[in-house]
Amino acid sequence: MGGGNQNAGPNRRAVVRGIAGGVLASALPGAAMAQGRPLHLVAAEHAKRVAAGDTRPLVLLGPNGAGANLAPVMAKFHELTGIKVQLVEENPLNLNTRISLLAMTGNVAFDVGLPTSNGLPDLASTGVIQPFDHFVDTYEPPGFRDGSLYNVADKFDGKYFGFQTDGDVYLMYYKRAFLESRDEQAAYADRFGVPLGIASTWEELDQQMRWFHRPDQDQYGGLMFRTPGYFAWEWWSRFHAKGVWPFSPQMDAQIGGDAGIEALEDMVRATAYLHPATNQASIFENWNVFFKQNIFSNIGWGGAHKLFKRSEFFDPNAIVNSGLPGGQDPETGAYFPCSYFNWGKNYVVSASTDRPELAYLYCLFAASPVISTLSVGQIGGFFDPFREEHYADPAIQQVYGDALLQVHRQGMIDAIPDLYLKNQAEYFRVLDEAIAQAVAGTLTAPQAMTRAAQLWELITSRSGRAQQIKRWTLLREKYPQKVSQWLRNTS
């Protein structure tokens, strides 16, 4: 993960390599340790005991499109415990809000939720999901969460609220035919004096998109997201690539400075080299347009590959994947990555459930090495790898291919986190709207970022600046070291 995993170092990796078939033999407590039994079996036995004959189904509120990932998990849990799990689906863009509304009614509307990872701070701070540290101490084997390459979102204010279950790190998608055309390579090198290849920086990617953008030939430089709700994600990586923290240590917003303005100006200029569908296409429409049309580059997640692969016309060799472009230190010339974990899903326990222990045990069951591997390996869903075991699993290797898995795993290790602070949704809504106005031309980049920074200051004040500073201090420590060493404070 971005921060925790590099601190664990080789010792954690040695432990992970010792796990055979997902069996945490030496890590399991009590009888499970003696018998060397898989975590999901132990969790299922505890769940059956805790239920004590209660035949009511557990209600799981999850996102549309994840049914293929969730169905085998629910079926296996029922098989081992006799407890049914009822799935209630919601649009993933509205899921976090739906969880809040249902939980605040005081009724047991659901037991287990599966919100986006970046929504956990708001759900936790408003009390609609509950911490479960006492269950962690009772049931989780030591080192269990170290097997996850990214678990920054699992904790908030020092307490456990979630189980990471989806590795949504942003990736680049390139059409191989563009990159490997000898004519294009020669012309590009002649024009810019550098070889054509995977972009190391955002500036290089922008140059490549401009080079390949020939709309009169029905050819386009890219198809990034330029629709409400998605603007801020690309900007977040572009901004970090400028080498600046979004907040100072005292929570002074730094996004309105030169780095934030430059990142937005770059993004506005790059918009001119995108396919027209970029302004209105939904996630799935965006990927389908990219797959079917003559477009050089796009941005997305591993789940996009699952969507592509379900098409009988898809040629996996037609795509080249990489991590997001990064930054370059102006003094040393050294490159640093700006991979970004921006979505994902986390299992959580509703504050309104009357069966919190059982709900927790289902989450533990679902997030266990064996069961999470089963879930991620479903090609019909969009959950991506997040545990070390996933990358070695034959079924997952078959779905993604070795090349993409290598890129994805490195992206997870290098990932800068989302803004896991109270009122995260408000911070990003303000940022998203400011970027949208600049892209539309209704505000200049300086005007948009100045306004966003001012509103961020108000959000921080309303959130309780002293507490937000503590949260931000903890979050800064979870940035990957190879990124944080380049970031600076400007105020």
Protein backbone atom coordinates (compact mmCIF):
# COMPACT_ATOMS: atom_id res chain seq x y z
CA MET A 1 0.00 0.00 0.00
CA GLY A 2 1.02 3.62 -0.28
CA GLY A 3 3.06 4.01 2.88
CA GLY A 4 2.34 1.02 5.08
CA ASN A 5 3.65 -1.55 2.69
CA GLN A 6 7.06 0.01 2.16
CA ASN A 7 7.58 0.37 5.89
CA ALA A 8 6.93 -3.33 6.32
CA GLY A 9 9.81 -4.06 3.96
CA PRO A 10 11.20 -7.49 3.12
CA ASN A 11 10.00 -9.11 6.33
CA ARG A 12 6.36 -8.73 5.40
CA ARG A 13 7.02 -9.96 1.89
CA ALA A 14 8.75 -13.02 3.30
CA VAL A 15 5.68 -13.75 5.40
CA VAL A 16 3.43 -13.38 2.36
CA ARG A 17 5.59 -15.70 0.29
CA GLY A 18 5.16 -18.27 3.05
CA ILE A 19 1.40 -18.32 2.62
CA ALA A 20 0.47 -21.40 0.63
CA GLY A 21 -2.86 -21.28 -1.14
CA GLY A 22 -4.08 -18.43 1.04
CA VAL A 23 -3.69 -20.43 4.25
CA LEU A 24 -2.50 -18.23 7.08
CA ALA A 25 -1.35 -21.25 9.04
CA SER A 26 1.15 -19.80 11.47
CA ALA A 27 -0.76 -16.55 11.87
CA LEU A 28 -4.13 -17.92 12.96
CA PRO A 29 -4.90 -17.85 16.68
CA GLY A 30 -5.86 -20.70 18.96
CA ALA A 31 -6.98 -23.97 17.42
CA ALA A 32 -6.75 -22.53 13.94
CA MET A 33 -3.02 -22.03 14.39
CA ALA A 34 -2.55 -25.62 15.49
CA GLN A 35 -4.55 -26.97 12.59
CA GLY A 36 -3.13 -24.61 10.00
CA ARG A 37 -6.57 -23.71 8.72
CA PRO A 38 -7.57 -21.03 6.18
CA LEU A 39 -8.91 -17.80 7.61
CA HIS A 40 -12.22 -17.98 5.75
CA LEU A 41 -13.06 -21.33 7.35
CA VAL A 42 -12.28 -20.01 10.81
CA ALA A 43 -14.33 -16.86 10.17
CA ALA A 44 -17.25 -18.95 8.89
CA GLU A 45 -17.24 -21.14 11.99
CA HIS A 46 -17.29 -18.10 14.25
CA ALA A 47 -20.11 -16.59 12.19
CA LYS A 48 -22.17 -19.75 12.55
CA ARG A 49 -21.59 -19.73 16.30
CA VAL A 50 -22.43 -16.04 16.67
CA ALA A 51 -25.62 -16.38 14.62
CA ALA A 52 -26.80 -19.08 17.06
CA GLY A 53 -29.69 -20.20 14.93
CA ASP A 54 -30.74 -16.72 13.79
CA THR A 55 -32.07 -17.46 10.30
CA ARG A 56 -32.45 -13.88 9.11
CA PRO A 57 -30.32 -13.12 6.05
CA LEU A 58 -27.54 -10.59 6.27
CA VAL A 59 -28.34 -7.61 4.08
CA LEU A 60 -25.45 -6.38 1.95
CA LEU A 61 -25.77 -2.98 0.28
CA GLY A 62 -23.39 -2.98 -2.67
CA PRO A 63 -22.71 -1.34 -6.04
CA ASN A 64 -24.32 -2.24 -9.34
CA GLY A 65 -21.90 -4.10 -11.57
CA ALA A 66 -20.23 -5.99 -8.72
CA GLY A 67 -22.70 -8.87 -8.63
CA ALA A 68 -20.28 -11.25 -10.34
CA ASN A 69 -17.67 -10.51 -7.67
CA LEU A 70 -20.10 -10.81 -4.78
CA ALA A 71 -22.19 -13.83 -5.81
CA PRO A 72 -19.53 -16.53 -5.19
CA VAL A 73 -18.65 -14.94 -1.85
CA MET A 74 -22.26 -14.95 -0.69
CA ALA A 75 -22.78 -18.49 -1.94
CA LYS A 76 -19.70 -19.82 -0.15
CA PHE A 77 -20.68 -18.08 3.08
CA HIS A 78 -24.14 -19.63 2.90
CA GLU A 79 -22.64 -23.04 2.18
CA LEU A 80 -20.33 -22.89 5.19
CA THR A 81 -22.63 -21.18 7.71
CA GLY A 82 -26.19 -21.73 6.56
CA ILE A 83 -26.64 -17.93 6.64
CA LYS A 84 -27.99 -16.31 3.49
CA VAL A 85 -26.79 -12.94 2.28
CA GLN A 86 -29.26 -10.67 0.53
CA LEU A 87 -27.69 -8.26 -1.96
CA VAL A 88 -29.30 -4.85 -2.43
CA GLU A 89 -27.70 -2.97 -5.33
CA GLU A 90 -27.26 0.76 -5.78
CA ASN A 91 -25.63 2.98 -8.38
CA PRO A 92 -21.97 3.17 -7.30
CA LEU A 93 -21.97 6.95 -7.69
CA ASN A 94 -24.83 7.21 -5.17
CA LEU A 95 -23.90 4.33 -2.88
CA ASN A 96 -22.16 6.29 -0.13
CA THR A 97 -25.06 8.73 0.10
CA ARG A 98 -27.52 5.85 0.16
CA ILE A 99 -25.65 4.22 3.03
CA SER A 100 -25.82 7.47 5.00
CA LEU A 101 -29.53 7.95 4.39
CA LEU A 102 -30.47 4.40 5.30
CA ALA A 103 -28.29 4.30 8.40
CA MET A 104 -29.64 7.61 9.71
CA THR A 105 -33.22 6.32 9.69
CA GLY A 106 -32.36 4.20 12.71
CA ASN A 107 -33.82 1.12 11.04
CA VAL A 108 -31.78 -1.98 10.26
CA ALA A 109 -31.84 -1.24 6.55
CA PHE A 110 -28.61 -3.15 5.95
CA ASP A 111 -25.94 -4.95 7.93
CA VAL A 112 -22.90 -4.77 5.66
CA GLY A 113 -22.09 -1.99 3.21
CA LEU A 114 -19.64 -1.82 0.34
CA PRO A 115 -19.02 1.89 -0.23
CA THR A 116 -16.21 3.47 -2.18
CA SER A 117 -13.00 3.66 -0.17
CA ASN A 118 -12.74 7.44 -0.43
CA GLY A 119 -16.11 7.75 1.32
CA LEU A 120 -15.10 6.05 4.55
CA PRO A 121 -13.96 9.23 6.35
CA ASP A 122 -17.36 10.87 5.83
CA LEU A 123 -19.29 7.72 6.74
CA ALA A 124 -17.18 7.20 9.85
CA SER A 125 -17.22 10.83 11.01
CA THR A 126 -21.01 11.03 10.72
CA GLY A 127 -21.48 7.79 12.63
CA VAL A 128 -23.34 5.80 9.99
CA ILE A 129 -20.75 3.01 10.05
CA GLN A 130 -19.16 1.66 13.19
CA PRO A 131 -15.58 0.89 14.18
CA PHE A 132 -14.76 -2.70 15.00
CA ASP A 133 -11.35 -2.65 16.69
CA HIS A 134 -12.59 -4.96 19.45
CA PHE A 135 -13.45 -7.56 16.80
CA VAL A 136 -10.10 -7.04 15.06
CA ASP A 137 -8.31 -7.88 18.31
CA THR A 138 -10.45 -10.98 18.77
CA TYR A 139 -10.54 -12.47 15.29
CA GLU A 140 -7.85 -11.14 12.96
CA PRO A 141 -4.54 -13.02 12.69
CA PRO A 142 -1.44 -10.88 13.24
CA GLY A 143 -0.21 -9.51 9.94
CA PHE A 144 -3.41 -10.29 8.06
CA ARG A 145 -3.81 -6.75 6.72
CA ASP A 146 -0.14 -6.53 5.78
CA GLY A 147 -0.96 -8.83 2.87
CA SER A 148 -2.87 -5.97 1.27
CA LEU A 149 -0.84 -3.70 -1.00
CA TYR A 150 -3.14 -0.82 -0.15
CA ASN A 151 -5.18 -0.44 3.03
CA VAL A 152 -4.88 3.26 3.81
CA ALA A 153 -8.66 3.63 3.78
CA ASP A 154 -9.29 0.86 6.33
CA LYS A 155 -8.69 3.19 9.29
CA PHE A 156 -9.98 6.62 10.23
CA ASP A 157 -9.12 8.58 13.36
CA GLY A 158 -7.03 5.63 14.49
CA LYS A 159 -9.89 3.11 14.38
CA TYR A 160 -10.72 0.31 11.98
CA PHE A 161 -13.83 0.90 9.88
CA GLY A 162 -13.24 -1.11 6.71
CA PHE A 163 -11.77 -4.00 4.75
CA GLN A 164 -10.23 -3.08 1.40
CA THR A 165 -11.66 -5.36 -1.26
CA ASP A 166 -10.93 -3.73 -4.62
CA GLY A 167 -7.64 -2.42 -5.99
CA ASP A 168 -8.74 0.65 -7.96
CA VAL A 169 -5.45 2.25 -8.87
CA TYR A 170 -5.48 4.49 -11.94
CA LEU A 171 -3.64 3.09 -14.98
CA MET A 172 -2.76 4.30 -18.45
CA TYR A 173 -4.02 2.51 -21.56
CA TYR A 174 -2.19 3.00 -24.87
CA LYS A 175 -2.92 1.55 -28.30
CA ARG A 176 0.12 -0.48 -29.25
CA ALA A 177 -0.23 0.33 -32.96
CA PHE A 178 0.47 4.00 -32.24
CA LEU A 179 3.49 3.40 -30.02
CA GLU A 180 5.11 0.80 -32.27
CA SER A 181 4.55 2.37 -35.68
CA ARG A 182 8.02 2.81 -37.17
CA ASP A 183 6.89 5.77 -39.24
CA GLU A 184 5.45 7.49 -36.17
CA GLN A 185 8.52 6.68 -34.10
CA ALA A 186 10.85 8.19 -36.69
CA ALA A 187 8.76 11.30 -37.22
CA TYR A 188 8.25 11.84 -33.50
CA ALA A 189 11.95 11.47 -32.73
CA ASP A 190 12.80 13.85 -35.57
CA ARG A 191 10.31 16.43 -34.30
CA PHE A 192 11.04 16.30 -30.55
CA GLY A 193 14.48 14.73 -30.29
CA VAL A 194 13.29 11.96 -27.95
CA PRO A 195 12.02 8.44 -28.66
CA LEU A 196 8.31 7.67 -28.68
CA GLY A 197 7.39 5.44 -25.75
CA ILE A 198 5.50 5.21 -22.47
CA ALA A 199 5.21 8.72 -21.07
CA SER A 200 7.30 9.31 -17.94
CA THR A 201 5.70 12.67 -17.11
CA TRP A 202 2.38 14.37 -17.72
CA GLU A 203 4.14 16.89 -19.95
CA GLU A 204 5.38 14.06 -22.14
CA LEU A 205 1.91 12.49 -22.33
CA ASP A 206 0.36 15.82 -23.30
CA GLN A 207 2.94 16.16 -26.05
CA GLN A 208 2.15 12.68 -27.35
CA MET A 209 -1.61 13.29 -27.33
CA ARG A 210 -1.08 16.52 -29.26
CA TRP A 211 1.13 14.67 -31.75
CA PHE A 212 -1.39 11.93 -32.46
CA HIS A 213 -4.48 14.15 -32.49
CA ARG A 214 -5.64 14.30 -36.13
CA PRO A 215 -9.42 14.64 -36.05
CA ASP A 216 -9.54 15.27 -39.81
CA GLN A 217 -8.29 11.67 -40.14
CA ASP A 218 -10.70 10.41 -37.45
CA GLN A 219 -7.75 9.91 -35.11
CA TYR A 220 -7.55 11.32 -31.59
CA GLY A 221 -4.91 11.85 -28.96
CA GLY A 222 -6.84 10.59 -25.97
CA LEU A 223 -10.13 9.95 -24.22
CA MET A 224 -9.70 11.06 -20.60
CA PHE A 225 -12.68 11.74 -18.34
CA ARG A 226 -14.13 15.23 -18.72
CA THR A 227 -17.51 14.69 -17.08
CA PRO A 228 -18.82 15.85 -13.66
CA GLY A 229 -17.44 13.79 -10.79
CA TYR A 230 -14.29 12.71 -12.64
CA PHE A 231 -12.38 15.93 -13.35
CA ALA A 232 -10.55 15.99 -10.02
CA TRP A 233 -8.96 12.56 -10.32
CA GLU A 234 -6.69 13.35 -13.25
CA TRP A 235 -5.86 16.74 -11.75
CA TRP A 236 -4.92 15.11 -8.41
CA SER A 237 -2.11 13.17 -10.09
CA ARG A 238 -1.08 16.10 -12.28
CA PHE A 239 -0.88 18.33 -9.22
CA HIS A 240 1.22 15.92 -7.15
CA ALA A 241 3.53 15.55 -10.15
CA LYS A 242 4.32 19.25 -9.69
CA GLY A 243 5.94 18.28 -6.38
CA VAL A 244 3.63 20.03 -3.92
CA TRP A 245 1.52 18.81 -1.01
CA PRO A 246 -2.19 19.73 -1.32
CA PHE A 247 -2.07 21.07 2.24
CA SER A 248 0.74 22.44 4.37
CA PRO A 249 1.35 20.71 7.73
CA GLN A 250 -1.02 23.26 9.28
CA MET A 251 -3.76 22.52 6.72
CA ASP A 252 -3.25 25.65 4.65
CA ALA A 253 -4.63 24.83 1.20
CA GLN A 254 -1.79 24.87 -1.34
CA ILE A 255 -3.84 24.00 -4.41
CA GLY A 256 -4.34 27.68 -5.32
CA GLY A 257 -0.64 28.30 -5.82
CA ASP A 258 1.46 28.04 -8.95
CA ALA A 259 1.48 24.22 -8.98
CA GLY A 260 -2.31 23.94 -8.80
CA ILE A 261 -2.81 26.56 -11.49
CA GLU A 262 -0.22 25.01 -13.79
CA ALA A 263 -1.73 21.54 -13.36
CA LEU A 264 -5.13 22.90 -14.34
CA GLU A 265 -3.79 24.90 -17.28
CA ASP A 266 -2.05 21.76 -18.54
CA MET A 267 -5.28 19.81 -18.18
CA VAL A 268 -7.30 22.45 -20.04
CA ARG A 269 -4.81 22.49 -22.91
CA ALA A 270 -4.81 18.70 -23.08
CA THR A 271 -8.59 18.67 -23.42
CA ALA A 272 -8.21 20.02 -26.95
CA TYR A 273 -6.55 16.75 -27.97
CA LEU A 274 -9.28 14.41 -26.74
CA HIS A 275 -12.07 12.61 -28.57
CA PRO A 276 -15.37 14.57 -28.52
CA ALA A 277 -17.03 11.80 -26.45
CA THR A 278 -14.84 12.78 -23.52
CA ASN A 279 -17.33 15.49 -22.53
CA GLN A 280 -20.39 13.27 -22.09
CA ALA A 281 -19.41 9.59 -21.98
CA SER A 282 -20.06 7.62 -18.80
CA ILE A 283 -17.38 5.25 -17.52
CA PHE A 284 -18.53 2.29 -19.58
CA GLU A 285 -19.30 4.39 -22.65
CA ASN A 286 -15.86 5.96 -22.40
CA TRP A 287 -14.09 2.61 -22.38
CA ASN A 288 -16.21 1.25 -25.24
CA VAL A 289 -15.47 4.28 -27.39
CA PHE A 290 -11.76 3.94 -26.69
CA PHE A 291 -11.76 0.26 -27.53
CA LYS A 292 -13.63 0.65 -30.81
CA GLN A 293 -12.18 3.88 -32.20
CA ASN A 294 -8.83 5.20 -33.35
CA ILE A 295 -7.64 6.78 -30.09
CA PHE A 296 -4.08 6.78 -28.79
CA SER A 297 -4.49 6.85 -25.01
CA ASN A 298 -6.91 6.64 -22.13
CA ILE A 299 -7.00 6.40 -18.38
CA GLY A 300 -8.81 3.82 -16.28
CA TRP A 301 -8.59 0.88 -13.89
CA GLY A 302 -7.87 -2.82 -14.19
CA GLY A 303 -11.61 -3.36 -14.45
CA ALA A 304 -11.50 -1.78 -17.89
CA HIS A 305 -9.45 -4.76 -19.04
CA LYS A 306 -12.17 -7.11 -17.81
CA LEU A 307 -14.72 -5.17 -19.83
CA PHE A 308 -12.55 -5.25 -22.95
CA LYS A 309 -11.80 -8.94 -22.57
CA ARG A 310 -15.47 -9.90 -22.52
CA SER A 311 -15.71 -8.69 -26.10
CA GLU A 312 -15.08 -11.34 -28.71
CA PHE A 313 -13.27 -8.73 -30.79
CA PHE A 314 -10.78 -7.74 -28.11
CA ASP A 315 -7.11 -8.37 -28.82
CA PRO A 316 -5.16 -8.05 -25.54
CA ASN A 317 -1.98 -7.49 -27.53
CA ALA A 318 -3.49 -4.28 -28.92
CA ILE A 319 -3.15 -2.53 -25.54
CA VAL A 320 -0.07 -1.39 -23.63
CA ASN A 321 -0.55 -0.52 -19.97
CA SER A 322 1.54 1.59 -17.65
CA GLY A 323 1.21 3.50 -14.43
CA LEU A 324 0.17 7.13 -14.56
CA PRO A 325 2.78 9.65 -15.69
CA GLY A 326 4.74 11.11 -12.83
CA GLY A 327 6.85 14.14 -12.04
CA GLN A 328 10.45 15.17 -12.53
CA ASP A 329 12.55 16.96 -9.97
CA PRO A 330 13.70 20.21 -11.62
CA GLU A 331 17.06 20.18 -9.86
CA THR A 332 18.18 16.54 -10.13
CA GLY A 333 16.11 15.42 -13.13
CA ALA A 334 14.97 12.37 -11.17
CA TYR A 335 11.53 10.98 -11.96
CA PHE A 336 9.00 10.08 -9.29
CA PRO A 337 5.70 8.19 -9.72
CA CYS A 338 2.26 9.71 -9.23
CA SER A 339 0.14 6.61 -9.28
CA TYR A 340 -3.21 7.24 -7.62
CA PHE A 341 -5.68 5.03 -5.73
CA ASN A 342 -8.90 6.91 -6.28
CA TRP A 343 -11.88 4.66 -5.80
CA GLY A 344 -11.95 1.06 -4.62
CA LYS A 345 -14.48 -0.60 -2.34
CA ASN A 346 -14.39 -1.35 1.38
CA TYR A 347 -16.56 -3.69 3.40
CA VAL A 348 -18.05 -1.80 6.37
CA VAL A 349 -20.45 -2.54 9.24
CA SER A 350 -23.60 -0.46 9.51
CA ALA A 351 -24.07 1.51 12.73
CA SER A 352 -27.73 0.48 12.72
CA THR A 353 -27.28 -3.29 12.49
CA ASP A 354 -28.34 -5.32 15.50
CA ARG A 355 -25.79 -8.01 14.52
CA PRO A 356 -22.47 -6.14 14.35
CA GLU A 357 -20.31 -9.13 15.22
CA LEU A 358 -21.89 -11.30 12.55
CA ALA A 359 -21.61 -8.46 10.03
CA TYR A 360 -17.94 -8.03 10.90
CA LEU A 361 -17.28 -11.75 10.49
CA TYR A 362 -18.84 -11.69 7.04
CA CYS A 363 -16.51 -8.83 6.11
CA LEU A 364 -13.52 -10.76 7.42
CA PHE A 365 -14.66 -13.84 5.51
CA ALA A 366 -15.02 -11.85 2.27
CA ALA A 367 -11.65 -10.12 2.67
CA SER A 368 -9.75 -13.31 3.55
CA PRO A 369 -7.03 -14.43 1.10
CA VAL A 370 -8.92 -17.39 -0.36
CA ILE A 371 -12.32 -15.70 -0.71
CA SER A 372 -11.02 -12.35 -1.94
CA THR A 373 -9.01 -14.22 -4.57
CA LEU A 374 -12.18 -15.98 -5.68
CA SER A 375 -14.00 -12.64 -5.88
CA VAL A 376 -11.31 -10.73 -7.79
CA GLY A 377 -10.90 -13.60 -10.26
CA GLN A 378 -14.43 -13.18 -11.64
CA ILE A 379 -14.17 -11.66 -15.11
CA GLY A 380 -17.78 -10.49 -15.03
CA GLY A 381 -17.17 -8.01 -12.22
CA PHE A 382 -14.84 -5.05 -11.79
CA PHE A 383 -12.99 -5.79 -8.54
CA ASP A 384 -9.24 -5.63 -9.06
CA PRO A 385 -6.35 -7.30 -7.19
CA PHE A 386 -5.25 -5.81 -3.88
CA ARG A 387 -3.53 -8.64 -1.96
CA GLU A 388 -0.17 -10.23 -2.74
CA GLU A 389 -1.82 -13.62 -3.19
CA HIS A 390 -3.99 -12.29 -6.01
CA TYR A 391 -1.09 -11.64 -8.35
CA ALA A 392 0.07 -15.26 -8.19
CA ASP A 393 -3.37 -16.82 -8.66
CA PRO A 394 -3.74 -18.68 -12.01
CA ALA A 395 -7.35 -17.59 -12.54
CA ILE A 396 -6.48 -13.92 -11.97
CA GLN A 397 -3.42 -14.24 -14.20
CA GLN A 398 -5.66 -15.66 -16.91
CA VAL A 399 -8.06 -12.72 -16.61
CA TYR A 400 -5.50 -9.91 -16.59
CA GLY A 401 -2.32 -11.30 -18.11
CA ASP A 402 1.16 -10.98 -16.63
CA ALA A 403 1.98 -7.61 -18.20
CA LEU A 404 -1.02 -5.79 -16.77
CA LEU A 405 -0.64 -7.45 -13.36
CA GLN A 406 2.94 -6.26 -13.09
CA VAL A 407 1.90 -2.70 -13.90
CA HIS A 408 -1.07 -2.88 -11.56
CA ARG A 409 0.92 -4.25 -8.62
CA GLN A 410 3.57 -1.56 -8.97
CA GLY A 411 0.85 1.07 -9.22
CA MET A 412 -0.65 -0.17 -5.96
CA ILE A 413 2.72 0.07 -4.23
CA ASP A 414 3.41 3.57 -5.58
CA ALA A 415 -0.12 4.92 -5.11
CA ILE A 416 -0.71 8.32 -3.58
CA PRO A 417 -3.89 8.11 -1.51
CA ASP A 418 -7.14 9.92 -1.91
CA LEU A 419 -7.92 12.73 0.55
CA TYR A 420 -9.05 10.57 3.48
CA LEU A 421 -10.23 13.43 5.68
CA LYS A 422 -13.58 14.37 7.16
CA ASN A 423 -15.71 16.01 4.45
CA GLN A 424 -13.65 14.42 1.69
CA ALA A 425 -16.68 14.52 -0.59
CA GLU A 426 -17.05 18.27 -0.11
CA TYR A 427 -13.36 18.98 -0.73
CA PHE A 428 -13.48 17.02 -3.97
CA ARG A 429 -16.85 18.40 -5.08
CA VAL A 430 -15.48 21.93 -4.80
CA LEU A 431 -12.32 20.92 -6.66
CA ASP A 432 -14.25 19.07 -9.35
CA GLU A 433 -16.55 22.04 -9.98
CA ALA A 434 -13.63 24.47 -10.20
CA ILE A 435 -11.83 22.28 -12.75
CA ALA A 436 -15.04 21.84 -14.75
CA GLN A 437 -15.51 25.61 -14.97
CA ALA A 438 -11.94 26.10 -16.17
CA VAL A 439 -12.27 23.35 -18.79
CA ALA A 440 -15.54 24.93 -19.96
CA GLY A 441 -13.87 28.34 -20.17
CA THR A 442 -16.18 30.09 -17.70
CA LEU A 443 -13.27 30.68 -15.29
CA THR A 444 -9.54 31.04 -15.86
CA ALA A 445 -7.30 28.53 -14.16
CA PRO A 446 -6.09 31.11 -11.58
CA GLN A 447 -9.68 32.09 -10.81
CA ALA A 448 -10.83 28.49 -10.50
CA MET A 449 -8.00 27.35 -8.24
CA THR A 450 -8.09 30.46 -6.07
CA ARG A 451 -11.78 29.89 -5.49
CA ALA A 452 -11.26 26.19 -4.76
CA ALA A 453 -8.47 26.95 -2.27
CA GLN A 454 -10.63 29.51 -0.48
CA LEU A 455 -13.51 27.06 -0.20
CA TRP A 456 -11.11 24.38 1.05
CA GLU A 457 -10.12 26.73 3.87
CA LEU A 458 -13.79 27.13 4.83
CA ILE A 459 -14.35 23.37 4.74
CA THR A 460 -11.33 22.82 6.96
CA SER A 461 -12.57 25.41 9.47
CA ARG A 462 -16.04 23.87 9.59
CA SER A 463 -14.53 20.41 9.97
CA GLY A 464 -12.47 21.44 12.99
CA ARG A 465 -9.03 22.58 11.92
CA ALA A 466 -7.16 21.09 14.88
CA GLN A 467 -8.60 17.63 14.29
CA GLN A 468 -8.13 17.89 10.54
CA ILE A 469 -4.46 18.74 11.09
CA LYS A 470 -4.06 15.52 13.09
CA ARG A 471 -5.76 13.54 10.32
CA TRP A 472 -3.68 15.17 7.63
CA THR A 473 -0.47 14.49 9.57
CA LEU A 474 -1.34 10.79 9.69
CA LEU A 475 -2.30 10.75 6.01
CA ARG A 476 0.96 12.39 4.94
CA GLU A 477 2.83 9.58 6.69
CA LYS A 478 0.99 7.04 4.53
CA TYR A 479 2.19 8.49 1.23
CA PRO A 480 4.76 6.27 -0.51
CA GLN A 481 8.24 7.37 0.48
CA LYS A 482 9.33 7.61 -3.16
CA VAL A 483 6.63 10.27 -3.63
CA SER A 484 6.66 12.12 -0.32
CA GLN A 485 10.40 12.80 -0.52
CA TRP A 486 9.74 15.03 -3.55
CA LEU A 487 6.71 16.90 -2.23
CA ARG A 488 7.23 20.32 -0.70
CA ASN A 489 5.29 22.88 1.26
CA THR A 490 4.79 26.34 -0.20
CA SER A 491 3.10 28.00 2.78
